[in-house]
Amino acid sequence: MPRLKPIVASTPEELASALGLSALEAKEWQVQYVLLKRLKEVVRRRSITHAEIAKRAGTSRSRVTAILNDDLEHVSTDLLIRILGSLGYRVKVSVVRSESAA
Protein backbone atom coordinates (compact mmCIF):
# COMPACT_ATOMS: atom_id res chain seq x y z
CA MET A 1 0.00 0.00 0.00
CA PRO A 2 1.53 3.36 -1.01
CA ARG A 3 2.18 5.91 1.73
CA LEU A 4 0.27 9.12 1.39
CA LYS A 5 2.18 12.34 1.74
CA PRO A 6 0.73 14.54 4.50
CA ILE A 7 -0.83 17.80 3.40
CA VAL A 8 0.39 20.84 5.27
CA ALA A 9 -1.84 23.91 5.25
CA SER A 10 -0.62 27.17 6.75
CA THR A 11 -3.78 29.19 6.26
CA PRO A 12 -7.50 28.49 6.50
CA GLU A 13 -7.70 29.05 2.74
CA GLU A 14 -5.06 26.39 2.07
CA LEU A 15 -6.83 23.95 4.38
CA ALA A 16 -10.17 24.61 2.68
CA SER A 17 -8.57 24.03 -0.70
CA ALA A 18 -7.01 20.76 0.48
CA LEU A 19 -10.45 19.66 1.70
CA GLY A 20 -12.03 20.58 -1.61
CA LEU A 21 -14.07 23.47 -0.22
CA SER A 22 -14.96 26.47 -2.34
CA ALA A 23 -13.73 29.95 -1.39
CA LEU A 24 -17.20 30.76 -0.06
CA GLU A 25 -17.33 27.59 2.04
CA ALA A 26 -13.88 28.47 3.37
CA LYS A 27 -15.12 31.88 4.52
CA GLU A 28 -18.11 30.28 6.28
CA TRP A 29 -15.77 27.82 7.96
CA GLN A 30 -13.55 30.68 9.15
CA VAL A 31 -16.50 32.44 10.78
CA GLN A 32 -17.55 29.25 12.54
CA TYR A 33 -14.00 28.63 13.72
CA VAL A 34 -13.77 32.11 15.27
CA LEU A 35 -17.10 31.60 17.05
CA LEU A 36 -16.04 28.15 18.27
CA LYS A 37 -12.72 29.46 19.55
CA ARG A 38 -14.47 32.19 21.53
CA LEU A 39 -17.08 29.74 22.86
CA LYS A 40 -14.35 27.44 24.13
CA GLU A 41 -12.69 30.37 25.91
CA VAL A 42 -15.98 31.32 27.59
CA VAL A 43 -16.70 27.74 28.69
CA ARG A 44 -13.17 27.25 30.03
CA ARG A 45 -13.25 30.54 31.95
CA ARG A 46 -16.72 30.00 33.43
CA SER A 47 -16.35 26.28 34.18
CA ILE A 48 -19.93 25.66 33.04
CA THR A 49 -21.15 22.14 32.27
CA HIS A 50 -22.18 21.00 28.82
CA ALA A 51 -25.60 20.13 30.23
CA GLU A 52 -26.10 23.67 31.54
CA ILE A 53 -25.03 25.18 28.22
CA ALA A 54 -27.43 22.88 26.37
CA LYS A 55 -30.30 23.79 28.69
CA ARG A 56 -29.70 27.52 28.25
CA ALA A 57 -29.30 27.27 24.47
CA GLY A 58 -32.18 24.87 23.87
CA THR A 59 -30.10 22.10 22.34
CA SER A 60 -28.83 18.70 23.46
CA ARG A 61 -25.86 18.07 25.74
CA SER A 62 -24.40 15.65 23.20
CA ARG A 63 -24.54 18.36 20.54
CA VAL A 64 -22.77 20.85 22.83
CA THR A 65 -20.12 18.23 23.64
CA ALA A 66 -19.58 17.52 19.93
CA ILE A 67 -19.25 21.24 19.17
CA LEU A 68 -16.74 21.76 21.99
CA ASN A 69 -14.79 18.79 20.62
CA ASP A 70 -14.44 20.62 17.27
CA ASP A 71 -17.19 18.68 15.46
CA LEU A 72 -18.94 21.40 13.46
CA GLU A 73 -20.51 19.04 10.94
CA HIS A 74 -24.20 19.91 10.64
CA VAL A 75 -23.74 22.91 12.99
CA SER A 76 -24.99 26.24 11.77
CA THR A 77 -23.42 29.57 12.54
CA ASP A 78 -26.81 30.50 14.00
CA LEU A 79 -26.48 27.75 16.63
CA LEU A 80 -23.03 28.93 17.66
CA ILE A 81 -24.38 32.47 18.01
CA ARG A 82 -27.39 31.18 19.98
CA ILE A 83 -25.13 29.29 22.38
CA LEU A 84 -22.93 32.33 22.93
CA GLY A 85 -26.05 34.46 23.42
CA SER A 86 -27.42 32.04 25.99
CA LEU A 87 -24.20 32.54 27.95
CA GLY A 88 -24.64 36.31 27.96
CA TYR A 89 -22.52 37.23 24.96
CA ARG A 90 -23.48 38.99 21.75
CA VAL A 91 -21.77 38.59 18.42
CA LYS A 92 -20.77 41.66 16.46
CA VAL A 93 -20.40 41.30 12.70
CA SER A 94 -18.18 43.43 10.53
CA VAL A 95 -18.49 43.38 6.74
CA VAL A 96 -15.58 44.72 4.71
CA ARG A 97 -14.72 44.41 1.07
CA SER A 98 -12.16 41.75 0.35
CA GLU A 99 -8.98 42.87 -1.38
CA SER A 100 -9.30 39.94 -3.78
CA ALA A 101 -12.75 41.22 -4.88
CA ALA A 102 -11.40 44.58 -6.03
C-alpha atoms as a PDB file:
ATOM      1  CA  MET A   1       0.000   0.000   0.000  1.00  0.00           C
ATOM      2  CA  PRO A   2       1.532   3.363  -1.009  1.00  0.00           C
ATOM      3  CA  ARG A   3       2.180   5.906   1.730  1.00  0.00           C
ATOM      4  CA  LEU A   4       0.270   9.122   1.391  1.00  0.00           C
ATOM      5  CA  LYS A   5       2.180  12.339   1.739  1.00  0.00           C
ATOM      6  CA  PRO A   6       0.735  14.537   4.496  1.00  0.00           C
ATOM      7  CA  ILE A   7      -0.825  17.798   3.404  1.00  0.00           C
ATOM      8  CA  VAL A   8       0.386  20.843   5.271  1.00  0.00           C
ATOM      9  CA  ALA A   9      -1.842  23.910   5.254  1.00  0.00           C
ATOM     10  CA  SER A  10      -0.616  27.170   6.749  1.00  0.00           C
ATOM     11  CA  THR A  11      -3.779  29.193   6.265  1.00  0.00           C
ATOM     12  CA  PRO A  12      -7.504  28.489   6.498  1.00  0.00           C
ATOM     13  CA  GLU A  13      -7.698  29.046   2.744  1.00  0.00           C
ATOM     14  CA  GLU A  14      -5.058  26.391   2.068  1.00  0.00           C
ATOM     15  CA  LEU A  15      -6.831  23.947   4.383  1.00  0.00           C
ATOM     16  CA  ALA A  16     -10.172  24.606   2.680  1.00  0.00           C
ATOM     17  CA  SER A  17      -8.574  24.027  -0.701  1.00  0.00           C
ATOM     18  CA  ALA A  18      -7.008  20.759   0.481  1.00  0.00           C
ATOM     19  CA  LEU A  19     -10.447  19.661   1.705  1.00  0.00           C
ATOM     20  CA  GLY A  20     -12.028  20.578  -1.609  1.00  0.00           C
ATOM     21  CA  LEU A  21     -14.069  23.466  -0.218  1.00  0.00           C
ATOM     22  CA  SER A  22     -14.960  26.465  -2.339  1.00  0.00           C
ATOM     23  CA  ALA A  23     -13.728  29.945  -1.391  1.00  0.00           C
ATOM     24  CA  LEU A  24     -17.202  30.765  -0.059  1.00  0.00           C
ATOM     25  CA  GLU A  25     -17.327  27.589   2.038  1.00  0.00           C
ATOM     26  CA  ALA A  26     -13.876  28.470   3.368  1.00  0.00           C
ATOM     27  CA  LYS A  27     -15.123  31.877   4.523  1.00  0.00           C
ATOM     28  CA  GLU A  28     -18.110  30.278   6.280  1.00  0.00           C
ATOM     29  CA  TRP A  29     -15.768  27.818   7.964  1.00  0.00           C
ATOM     30  CA  GLN A  30     -13.546  30.675   9.149  1.00  0.00           C
ATOM     31  CA  VAL A  31     -16.504  32.442  10.777  1.00  0.00           C
ATOM     32  CA  GLN A  32     -17.548  29.249  12.543  1.00  0.00           C
ATOM     33  CA  TYR A  33     -13.996  28.629  13.716  1.00  0.00           C
ATOM     34  CA  VAL A  34     -13.769  32.112  15.270  1.00  0.00           C
ATOM     35  CA  LEU A  35     -17.100  31.596  17.053  1.00  0.00           C
ATOM     36  CA  LEU A  36     -16.040  28.151  18.270  1.00  0.00           C
ATOM     37  CA  LYS A  37     -12.717  29.455  19.554  1.00  0.00           C
ATOM     38  CA  ARG A  38     -14.475  32.190  21.535  1.00  0.00           C
ATOM     39  CA  LEU A  39     -17.084  29.744  22.857  1.00  0.00           C
ATOM     40  CA  LYS A  40     -14.353  27.438  24.131  1.00  0.00           C
ATOM     41  CA  GLU A  41     -12.685  30.369  25.905  1.00  0.00           C
ATOM     42  CA  VAL A  42     -15.980  31.320  27.588  1.00  0.00           C
ATOM     43  CA  VAL A  43     -16.703  27.739  28.688  1.00  0.00           C
ATOM     44  CA  ARG A  44     -13.172  27.255  30.029  1.00  0.00           C
ATOM     45  CA  ARG A  45     -13.249  30.539  31.954  1.00  0.00           C
ATOM     46  CA  ARG A  46     -16.723  29.999  33.434  1.00  0.00           C
ATOM     47  CA  SER A  47     -16.354  26.276  34.175  1.00  0.00           C
ATOM     48  CA  ILE A  48     -19.934  25.655  33.035  1.00  0.00           C
ATOM     49  CA  THR A  49     -21.150  22.142  32.274  1.00  0.00           C
ATOM     50  CA  HIS A  50     -22.179  20.998  28.820  1.00  0.00           C
ATOM     51  CA  ALA A  51     -25.596  20.127  30.231  1.00  0.00           C
ATOM     52  CA  GLU A  52     -26.099  23.673  31.536  1.00  0.00           C
ATOM     53  CA  ILE A  53     -25.026  25.179  28.217  1.00  0.00           C
ATOM     54  CA  ALA A  54     -27.427  22.876  26.374  1.00  0.00           C
ATOM     55  CA  LYS A  55     -30.304  23.786  28.685  1.00  0.00           C
ATOM     56  CA  ARG A  56     -29.700  27.517  28.255  1.00  0.00           C
ATOM     57  CA  ALA A  57     -29.305  27.269  24.466  1.00  0.00           C
ATOM     58  CA  GLY A  58     -32.180  24.871  23.873  1.00  0.00           C
ATOM     59  CA  THR A  59     -30.099  22.100  22.340  1.00  0.00           C
ATOM     60  CA  SER A  60     -28.831  18.698  23.462  1.00  0.00           C
ATOM     61  CA  ARG A  61     -25.862  18.069  25.735  1.00  0.00           C
ATOM     62  CA  SER A  62     -24.402  15.645  23.204  1.00  0.00           C
ATOM     63  CA  ARG A  63     -24.536  18.357  20.545  1.00  0.00           C
ATOM     64  CA  VAL A  64     -22.766  20.850  22.832  1.00  0.00           C
ATOM     65  CA  THR A  65     -20.121  18.227  23.636  1.00  0.00           C
ATOM     66  CA  ALA A  66     -19.575  17.520  19.935  1.00  0.00           C
ATOM     67  CA  ILE A  67     -19.247  21.236  19.169  1.00  0.00           C
ATOM     68  CA  LEU A  68     -16.743  21.765  21.987  1.00  0.00           C
ATOM     69  CA  ASN A  69     -14.785  18.792  20.620  1.00  0.00           C
ATOM     70  CA  ASP A  70     -14.444  20.619  17.268  1.00  0.00           C
ATOM     71  CA  ASP A  71     -17.188  18.684  15.457  1.00  0.00           C
ATOM     72  CA  LEU A  72     -18.941  21.396  13.461  1.00  0.00           C
ATOM     73  CA  GLU A  73     -20.505  19.044  10.938  1.00  0.00           C
ATOM     74  CA  HIS A  74     -24.199  19.913  10.640  1.00  0.00           C
ATOM     75  CA  VAL A  75     -23.740  22.910  12.989  1.00  0.00           C
ATOM     76  CA  SER A  76     -24.991  26.244  11.768  1.00  0.00           C
ATOM     77  CA  THR A  77     -23.415  29.572  12.542  1.00  0.00           C
ATOM     78  CA  ASP A  78     -26.812  30.499  14.005  1.00  0.00           C
ATOM     79  CA  LEU A  79     -26.484  27.746  16.627  1.00  0.00           C
ATOM     80  CA  LEU A  80     -23.034  28.931  17.664  1.00  0.00           C
ATOM     81  CA  ILE A  81     -24.380  32.470  18.007  1.00  0.00           C
ATOM     82  CA  ARG A  82     -27.394  31.184  19.983  1.00  0.00           C
ATOM     83  CA  ILE A  83     -25.128  29.286  22.382  1.00  0.00           C
ATOM     84  CA  LEU A  84     -22.932  32.334  22.928  1.00  0.00           C
ATOM     85  CA  GLY A  85     -26.054  34.461  23.416  1.00  0.00           C
ATOM     86  CA  SER A  86     -27.420  32.037  25.995  1.00  0.00           C
ATOM     87  CA  LEU A  87     -24.199  32.537  27.947  1.00  0.00           C
ATOM     88  CA  GLY A  88     -24.639  36.305  27.964  1.00  0.00           C
ATOM     89  CA  TYR A  89     -22.523  37.232  24.955  1.00  0.00           C
ATOM     90  CA  ARG A  90     -23.482  38.991  21.746  1.00  0.00           C
ATOM     91  CA  VAL A  91     -21.772  38.593  18.423  1.00  0.00           C
ATOM     92  CA  LYS A  92     -20.769  41.664  16.455  1.00  0.00           C
ATOM     93  CA  VAL A  93     -20.397  41.297  12.705  1.00  0.00           C
ATOM     94  CA  SER A  94     -18.179  43.425  10.531  1.00  0.00           C
ATOM     95  CA  VAL A  95     -18.495  43.378   6.744  1.00  0.00           C
ATOM     96  CA  VAL A  96     -15.577  44.723   4.709  1.00  0.00           C
ATOM     97  CA  ARG A  97     -14.715  44.412   1.066  1.00  0.00           C
ATOM     98  CA  SER A  98     -12.156  41.746   0.347  1.00  0.00           C
ATOM     99  CA  GLU A  99      -8.984  42.871  -1.377  1.00  0.00           C
ATOM    100  CA  SER A 100      -9.301  39.944  -3.784  1.00  0.00           C
ATOM    101  CA  ALA A 101     -12.750  41.215  -4.875  1.00  0.00           C
ATOM    102  CA  ALA A 102     -11.397  44.578  -6.027  1.00  0.00           C
END
